[in-house]
N, C-alpha and C. Protein backbone atom coordinates (compact mmCIF):
# COMPACT_ATOMS: atom_id res chain seq x y z
N UNK A 1 -3.50 10.47 -1.57
CA UNK A 1 -4.11 9.32 -0.95
C UNK A 1 -3.00 8.41 -0.40
N UNK A 2 -3.20 7.93 0.78
CA UNK A 2 -2.24 7.02 1.41
C UNK A 2 -2.82 5.61 1.33
N UNK A 3 -2.02 4.71 0.81
CA UNK A 3 -2.43 3.31 0.68
C UNK A 3 -1.45 2.43 1.44
N UNK A 4 -1.95 1.31 1.94
CA UNK A 4 -1.15 0.38 2.74
C UNK A 4 -1.14 -0.99 2.07
N UNK A 5 0.04 -1.60 2.03
CA UNK A 5 0.20 -2.91 1.42
C UNK A 5 1.12 -3.77 2.28
N UNK A 6 1.03 -5.06 2.08
CA UNK A 6 1.95 -6.01 2.71
C UNK A 6 2.59 -6.86 1.62
N UNK A 7 3.88 -7.03 1.71
CA UNK A 7 4.64 -7.89 0.81
C UNK A 7 5.47 -8.83 1.67
N UNK A 8 5.25 -10.12 1.53
CA UNK A 8 6.10 -11.12 2.17
C UNK A 8 5.95 -11.16 3.69
N UNK A 9 4.90 -10.54 4.24
CA UNK A 9 4.63 -10.61 5.67
C UNK A 9 3.12 -10.66 5.91
N UNK A 10 2.75 -11.28 7.00
CA UNK A 10 1.36 -11.20 7.46
C UNK A 10 1.33 -10.16 8.55
N UNK A 11 0.73 -9.03 8.24
CA UNK A 11 0.73 -7.91 9.17
C UNK A 11 -0.53 -7.10 8.93
N UNK A 12 -1.19 -6.72 10.01
CA UNK A 12 -2.38 -5.88 9.92
C UNK A 12 -2.06 -4.55 10.58
N UNK A 13 -2.10 -3.51 9.80
CA UNK A 13 -1.88 -2.16 10.33
C UNK A 13 -3.21 -1.59 10.75
N UNK A 14 -3.33 -1.28 12.02
CA UNK A 14 -4.59 -0.79 12.57
C UNK A 14 -4.64 0.74 12.55
N UNK A 15 -5.83 1.26 12.59
CA UNK A 15 -6.08 2.71 12.70
C UNK A 15 -5.51 3.50 11.52
N UNK A 16 -5.76 3.00 10.32
CA UNK A 16 -5.26 3.67 9.12
C UNK A 16 -5.80 5.09 9.01
N UNK A 17 -7.08 5.28 9.32
CA UNK A 17 -7.65 6.62 9.18
C UNK A 17 -6.99 7.61 10.13
N UNK A 18 -6.74 7.20 11.36
CA UNK A 18 -6.07 8.08 12.32
C UNK A 18 -4.64 8.36 11.85
N UNK A 19 -3.98 7.35 11.33
CA UNK A 19 -2.63 7.53 10.83
C UNK A 19 -2.62 8.50 9.65
N UNK A 20 -3.61 8.37 8.77
CA UNK A 20 -3.70 9.27 7.62
C UNK A 20 -3.90 10.72 8.06
N UNK A 21 -4.76 10.93 9.06
CA UNK A 21 -4.98 12.29 9.59
C UNK A 21 -3.69 12.85 10.15
N UNK A 22 -2.95 12.01 10.88
CA UNK A 22 -1.68 12.44 11.48
C UNK A 22 -0.68 12.82 10.38
N UNK A 23 -0.53 11.98 9.37
CA UNK A 23 0.43 12.26 8.31
C UNK A 23 0.03 13.51 7.52
N UNK A 24 -1.26 13.74 7.34
CA UNK A 24 -1.72 14.96 6.67
C UNK A 24 -1.40 16.18 7.52
N UNK A 25 -1.54 16.06 8.84
CA UNK A 25 -1.20 17.15 9.73
C UNK A 25 0.30 17.45 9.65
N UNK A 26 1.14 16.39 9.66
CA UNK A 26 2.58 16.58 9.54
C UNK A 26 2.89 17.31 8.23
N UNK A 27 2.33 16.84 7.13
CA UNK A 27 2.57 17.47 5.83
C UNK A 27 2.14 18.94 5.86
N UNK A 28 0.95 19.20 6.38
CA UNK A 28 0.46 20.57 6.45
C UNK A 28 1.33 21.48 7.28
N UNK A 29 1.86 20.94 8.37
CA UNK A 29 2.75 21.72 9.24
C UNK A 29 4.04 22.10 8.52
N UNK A 30 4.39 21.33 7.53
CA UNK A 30 5.61 21.58 6.75
C UNK A 30 5.28 22.25 5.40
N UNK A 31 4.06 22.77 5.30
CA UNK A 31 3.57 23.46 4.10
C UNK A 31 3.63 22.54 2.87
N UNK A 32 3.17 21.32 3.06
CA UNK A 32 3.10 20.32 1.99
C UNK A 32 1.72 19.69 2.02
N UNK A 33 1.36 19.00 0.95
CA UNK A 33 0.11 18.25 0.90
C UNK A 33 0.41 16.81 0.51
N UNK A 34 -0.45 15.93 0.93
CA UNK A 34 -0.29 14.51 0.63
C UNK A 34 -0.78 14.25 -0.79
N UNK A 35 0.07 13.62 -1.57
CA UNK A 35 -0.30 13.15 -2.90
C UNK A 35 -0.58 11.66 -2.82
N UNK A 36 0.13 10.88 -3.59
CA UNK A 36 0.01 9.42 -3.57
C UNK A 36 1.18 8.82 -2.82
N UNK A 37 0.88 8.27 -1.66
CA UNK A 37 1.91 7.62 -0.84
C UNK A 37 1.50 6.18 -0.60
N UNK A 38 2.42 5.28 -0.92
CA UNK A 38 2.23 3.85 -0.66
C UNK A 38 3.14 3.45 0.48
N UNK A 39 2.54 2.87 1.51
CA UNK A 39 3.31 2.34 2.64
C UNK A 39 3.26 0.83 2.50
N UNK A 40 4.43 0.24 2.25
CA UNK A 40 4.52 -1.18 1.99
C UNK A 40 5.26 -1.85 3.15
N UNK A 41 4.53 -2.64 3.92
CA UNK A 41 5.13 -3.39 5.02
C UNK A 41 5.70 -4.68 4.44
N UNK A 42 6.92 -5.03 4.85
CA UNK A 42 7.57 -6.19 4.28
C UNK A 42 8.52 -6.83 5.28
N UNK A 43 9.19 -7.88 4.86
CA UNK A 43 10.15 -8.60 5.70
C UNK A 43 11.56 -8.04 5.49
N UNK A 44 12.48 -8.46 6.34
CA UNK A 44 13.89 -8.10 6.16
C UNK A 44 14.40 -8.54 4.79
N UNK A 45 14.09 -9.77 4.41
CA UNK A 45 14.58 -10.27 3.13
C UNK A 45 14.03 -9.47 1.96
N UNK A 46 12.77 -9.08 2.04
CA UNK A 46 12.17 -8.31 0.96
C UNK A 46 12.84 -6.94 0.84
N UNK A 47 13.04 -6.26 1.98
CA UNK A 47 13.65 -4.93 1.93
C UNK A 47 15.11 -5.02 1.50
N UNK A 48 15.80 -6.09 1.88
CA UNK A 48 17.17 -6.29 1.43
C UNK A 48 17.21 -6.41 -0.09
N UNK A 49 16.27 -7.16 -0.65
CA UNK A 49 16.20 -7.30 -2.11
C UNK A 49 15.95 -5.94 -2.78
N UNK A 50 15.03 -5.15 -2.24
CA UNK A 50 14.76 -3.82 -2.78
C UNK A 50 16.02 -2.95 -2.67
N UNK A 51 16.68 -3.01 -1.53
CA UNK A 51 17.88 -2.22 -1.28
C UNK A 51 18.99 -2.57 -2.28
N UNK A 52 19.17 -3.86 -2.53
CA UNK A 52 20.21 -4.30 -3.46
C UNK A 52 19.82 -3.99 -4.90
N UNK A 53 18.60 -4.28 -5.25
CA UNK A 53 18.14 -4.15 -6.64
C UNK A 53 18.11 -2.69 -7.11
N UNK A 54 17.59 -1.80 -6.28
CA UNK A 54 17.38 -0.43 -6.73
C UNK A 54 18.42 0.57 -6.23
N UNK A 55 19.07 0.26 -5.12
CA UNK A 55 20.03 1.22 -4.54
C UNK A 55 21.45 0.67 -4.49
N UNK A 56 21.63 -0.59 -4.84
CA UNK A 56 22.93 -1.26 -4.80
C UNK A 56 23.55 -1.21 -3.39
N UNK A 57 22.68 -1.33 -2.37
CA UNK A 57 23.13 -1.39 -0.97
C UNK A 57 22.89 -2.80 -0.46
N UNK A 58 23.93 -3.43 0.04
CA UNK A 58 23.84 -4.82 0.51
C UNK A 58 23.72 -4.85 2.04
N UNK A 59 22.63 -4.30 2.56
CA UNK A 59 22.40 -4.35 4.00
C UNK A 59 20.90 -4.19 4.30
N UNK A 60 20.55 -4.65 5.51
CA UNK A 60 19.17 -4.52 5.98
C UNK A 60 18.96 -3.10 6.49
N UNK A 61 17.72 -2.67 6.47
CA UNK A 61 17.36 -1.35 6.99
C UNK A 61 15.90 -1.39 7.42
N UNK A 62 15.48 -0.40 8.18
CA UNK A 62 14.09 -0.38 8.61
C UNK A 62 13.18 0.24 7.56
N UNK A 63 13.69 1.17 6.77
CA UNK A 63 12.85 1.84 5.77
C UNK A 63 13.67 2.25 4.56
N UNK A 64 13.04 2.15 3.42
CA UNK A 64 13.57 2.71 2.18
C UNK A 64 12.47 3.60 1.61
N UNK A 65 12.84 4.83 1.29
CA UNK A 65 11.89 5.80 0.77
C UNK A 65 12.23 6.13 -0.68
N UNK A 66 11.26 5.94 -1.55
CA UNK A 66 11.39 6.35 -2.94
C UNK A 66 10.54 7.60 -3.13
N UNK A 67 11.17 8.67 -3.55
CA UNK A 67 10.56 9.99 -3.63
C UNK A 67 10.06 10.26 -5.04
N UNK A 68 8.76 10.52 -5.16
CA UNK A 68 8.15 10.90 -6.44
C UNK A 68 7.44 12.25 -6.31
N UNK A 69 7.92 13.09 -5.40
CA UNK A 69 7.27 14.36 -5.10
C UNK A 69 7.37 15.32 -6.28
N UNK A 70 6.34 16.15 -6.39
CA UNK A 70 6.32 17.24 -7.37
C UNK A 70 5.85 18.50 -6.65
N UNK A 71 6.71 19.49 -6.60
CA UNK A 71 6.36 20.73 -5.92
C UNK A 71 6.11 20.47 -4.45
N UNK A 72 4.96 20.95 -3.96
CA UNK A 72 4.65 20.74 -2.54
C UNK A 72 3.78 19.50 -2.31
N UNK A 73 3.56 18.69 -3.36
CA UNK A 73 2.75 17.46 -3.26
C UNK A 73 3.68 16.29 -2.96
N UNK A 74 3.45 15.65 -1.81
CA UNK A 74 4.27 14.53 -1.36
C UNK A 74 3.76 13.22 -1.95
N UNK A 75 4.61 12.56 -2.70
CA UNK A 75 4.28 11.27 -3.28
C UNK A 75 5.50 10.37 -3.19
N UNK A 76 5.27 9.10 -2.92
CA UNK A 76 6.40 8.18 -2.85
C UNK A 76 5.99 6.83 -2.31
N UNK A 77 6.97 5.95 -2.29
CA UNK A 77 6.80 4.61 -1.73
C UNK A 77 7.67 4.49 -0.49
N UNK A 78 7.06 4.03 0.60
CA UNK A 78 7.79 3.78 1.84
C UNK A 78 7.80 2.27 2.10
N UNK A 79 8.93 1.63 1.90
CA UNK A 79 9.08 0.20 2.20
C UNK A 79 9.57 0.10 3.64
N UNK A 80 8.81 -0.61 4.47
CA UNK A 80 9.13 -0.69 5.90
C UNK A 80 9.26 -2.16 6.30
N UNK A 81 10.43 -2.51 6.83
CA UNK A 81 10.65 -3.88 7.30
C UNK A 81 10.07 -4.04 8.71
N UNK A 82 9.02 -4.82 8.79
CA UNK A 82 8.40 -5.11 10.09
C UNK A 82 9.39 -5.83 11.00
N UNK A 83 10.22 -6.70 10.43
CA UNK A 83 11.22 -7.43 11.22
C UNK A 83 12.18 -6.47 11.91
N UNK A 84 12.72 -5.53 11.16
CA UNK A 84 13.69 -4.59 11.73
C UNK A 84 13.02 -3.63 12.70
N UNK A 85 11.79 -3.22 12.41
CA UNK A 85 11.07 -2.35 13.35
C UNK A 85 10.90 -3.07 14.69
N UNK A 86 10.55 -4.36 14.64
CA UNK A 86 10.42 -5.14 15.90
C UNK A 86 11.75 -5.20 16.65
N UNK A 87 12.83 -5.49 15.93
CA UNK A 87 14.16 -5.56 16.56
C UNK A 87 14.55 -4.21 17.16
N UNK A 88 14.32 -3.14 16.43
CA UNK A 88 14.67 -1.81 16.92
C UNK A 88 13.85 -1.43 18.15
N UNK A 89 12.58 -1.79 18.17
CA UNK A 89 11.74 -1.50 19.34
C UNK A 89 12.33 -2.16 20.58
N UNK A 90 12.74 -3.42 20.44
CA UNK A 90 13.36 -4.12 21.57
C UNK A 90 14.67 -3.45 21.97
N UNK A 91 15.49 -3.13 20.98
CA UNK A 91 16.80 -2.52 21.25
C UNK A 91 16.68 -1.17 21.95
N UNK A 92 15.69 -0.36 21.53
CA UNK A 92 15.54 0.99 22.08
C UNK A 92 14.57 1.05 23.25
N UNK A 93 13.99 -0.09 23.62
CA UNK A 93 13.05 -0.12 24.74
C UNK A 93 11.76 0.62 24.43
N UNK A 94 11.34 0.56 23.17
CA UNK A 94 10.12 1.25 22.75
C UNK A 94 9.03 0.22 22.47
N UNK A 95 7.79 0.67 22.50
CA UNK A 95 6.69 -0.17 22.07
C UNK A 95 6.77 -0.32 20.56
N UNK A 96 6.34 -1.47 20.06
CA UNK A 96 6.38 -1.72 18.62
C UNK A 96 5.64 -0.63 17.85
N UNK A 97 4.43 -0.28 18.28
CA UNK A 97 3.63 0.73 17.56
C UNK A 97 4.34 2.08 17.52
N UNK A 98 4.96 2.45 18.63
CA UNK A 98 5.69 3.72 18.67
C UNK A 98 6.84 3.71 17.67
N UNK A 99 7.59 2.63 17.65
CA UNK A 99 8.72 2.53 16.72
C UNK A 99 8.23 2.51 15.27
N UNK A 100 7.12 1.83 15.02
CA UNK A 100 6.57 1.80 13.67
C UNK A 100 6.15 3.20 13.23
N UNK A 101 5.50 3.94 14.09
CA UNK A 101 5.09 5.30 13.74
C UNK A 101 6.31 6.20 13.56
N UNK A 102 7.35 5.97 14.34
CA UNK A 102 8.59 6.74 14.15
C UNK A 102 9.15 6.50 12.75
N UNK A 103 9.17 5.26 12.33
CA UNK A 103 9.71 4.92 11.01
C UNK A 103 8.83 5.51 9.90
N UNK A 104 7.52 5.44 10.08
CA UNK A 104 6.61 6.00 9.07
C UNK A 104 6.83 7.51 8.94
N UNK A 105 6.88 8.22 10.05
CA UNK A 105 7.06 9.68 9.96
C UNK A 105 8.47 10.00 9.45
N UNK A 106 9.44 9.16 9.75
CA UNK A 106 10.79 9.34 9.22
C UNK A 106 10.75 9.32 7.69
N UNK A 107 10.03 8.34 7.13
CA UNK A 107 9.89 8.28 5.68
C UNK A 107 9.20 9.50 5.11
N UNK A 108 8.14 9.95 5.78
CA UNK A 108 7.43 11.15 5.32
C UNK A 108 8.35 12.37 5.37
N UNK A 109 9.15 12.46 6.43
CA UNK A 109 10.08 13.58 6.55
C UNK A 109 11.11 13.57 5.42
N UNK A 110 11.52 12.39 4.98
CA UNK A 110 12.40 12.32 3.81
C UNK A 110 11.69 12.88 2.58
N UNK A 111 10.40 12.53 2.40
CA UNK A 111 9.65 13.06 1.26
C UNK A 111 9.53 14.58 1.35
N UNK A 112 9.43 15.09 2.56
CA UNK A 112 9.31 16.53 2.76
C UNK A 112 10.62 17.24 2.40
N UNK A 113 11.74 16.50 2.53
CA UNK A 113 13.03 17.08 2.16
C UNK A 113 14.11 16.98 3.20
N UNK A 114 13.81 16.38 4.33
CA UNK A 114 14.82 16.21 5.37
C UNK A 114 15.70 15.02 5.04
N UNK A 115 17.00 15.17 5.29
CA UNK A 115 17.95 14.08 5.08
C UNK A 115 18.60 13.70 6.39
N UNK A 116 19.38 12.63 6.36
CA UNK A 116 20.09 12.19 7.55
C UNK A 116 21.49 11.69 7.19
N UNK A 117 22.14 12.41 6.27
CA UNK A 117 23.46 12.00 5.82
C UNK A 117 24.59 12.53 6.71
N UNK A 118 24.35 13.63 7.40
CA UNK A 118 25.36 14.20 8.28
C UNK A 118 24.84 14.15 9.72
N UNK A 119 25.72 14.28 10.70
CA UNK A 119 25.25 14.31 12.10
C UNK A 119 24.24 15.42 12.36
N UNK A 120 24.43 16.58 11.74
CA UNK A 120 23.50 17.69 11.93
C UNK A 120 22.13 17.36 11.35
N UNK A 121 22.12 16.79 10.15
CA UNK A 121 20.85 16.41 9.52
C UNK A 121 20.16 15.31 10.32
N UNK A 122 20.95 14.37 10.80
CA UNK A 122 20.40 13.27 11.60
C UNK A 122 19.75 13.81 12.88
N UNK A 123 20.40 14.75 13.53
CA UNK A 123 19.85 15.36 14.73
C UNK A 123 18.53 16.08 14.42
N UNK A 124 18.51 16.82 13.31
CA UNK A 124 17.31 17.57 12.94
C UNK A 124 16.13 16.64 12.63
N UNK A 125 16.37 15.57 11.87
CA UNK A 125 15.27 14.69 11.50
C UNK A 125 14.75 13.93 12.73
N UNK A 126 15.65 13.58 13.66
CA UNK A 126 15.20 12.91 14.89
C UNK A 126 14.38 13.86 15.77
N UNK A 127 14.77 15.13 15.80
CA UNK A 127 13.99 16.11 16.56
C UNK A 127 12.59 16.27 15.95
N UNK A 128 12.52 16.29 14.62
CA UNK A 128 11.21 16.37 13.94
C UNK A 128 10.38 15.13 14.23
N UNK A 129 11.00 13.95 14.21
CA UNK A 129 10.28 12.71 14.54
C UNK A 129 9.67 12.82 15.92
N UNK A 130 10.49 13.21 16.90
CA UNK A 130 10.02 13.33 18.28
C UNK A 130 8.87 14.32 18.38
N UNK A 131 9.01 15.46 17.71
CA UNK A 131 7.98 16.50 17.75
C UNK A 131 6.65 15.96 17.21
N UNK A 132 6.70 15.36 16.03
CA UNK A 132 5.45 14.88 15.41
C UNK A 132 4.89 13.65 16.11
N UNK A 133 5.73 12.81 16.68
CA UNK A 133 5.22 11.69 17.47
C UNK A 133 4.46 12.22 18.69
N UNK A 134 4.97 13.31 19.26
CA UNK A 134 4.31 13.92 20.41
C UNK A 134 2.94 14.48 20.07
N UNK A 135 2.72 14.84 18.83
CA UNK A 135 1.43 15.40 18.41
C UNK A 135 0.46 14.33 17.94
N UNK A 136 0.94 13.11 17.76
CA UNK A 136 0.12 12.05 17.15
C UNK A 136 -1.18 11.80 17.91
N UNK A 137 -1.13 11.83 19.22
CA UNK A 137 -2.32 11.53 20.03
C UNK A 137 -3.36 12.65 20.01
N UNK A 138 -2.98 13.81 19.47
CA UNK A 138 -3.90 14.96 19.43
C UNK A 138 -4.65 15.07 18.12
N UNK A 139 -4.37 14.15 17.20
CA UNK A 139 -5.00 14.23 15.88
C UNK A 139 -6.23 13.36 15.85
């Protein structure tokens, strides 16, 4: 089950059911199933606190993914900074919704097992993001 929350921001995420269908399709395409996933929309300050408290990283980011997966069942918490998503959309010339969906699928891809620690891994996860974003309108 996918659940949506807001911490420290006023934000309404629209089309949750369509988003859930899309994320289930992504998981299925990767031979995984959706377990319990919490998507928590928050502010830059909130995500910075999470980053420092749990990961000892003193910097802002667009997403932090906590992985609780077991076998092929995807479970975890995706903390997403709405502030940084807005800034990145402007920087990359993307629509806010497109950038938000990119960040959401990025988090799901981390739960699936993709990393972005090396240039090769980063290239692969970005290609997967692009592929699944392209399929989003067909779900």
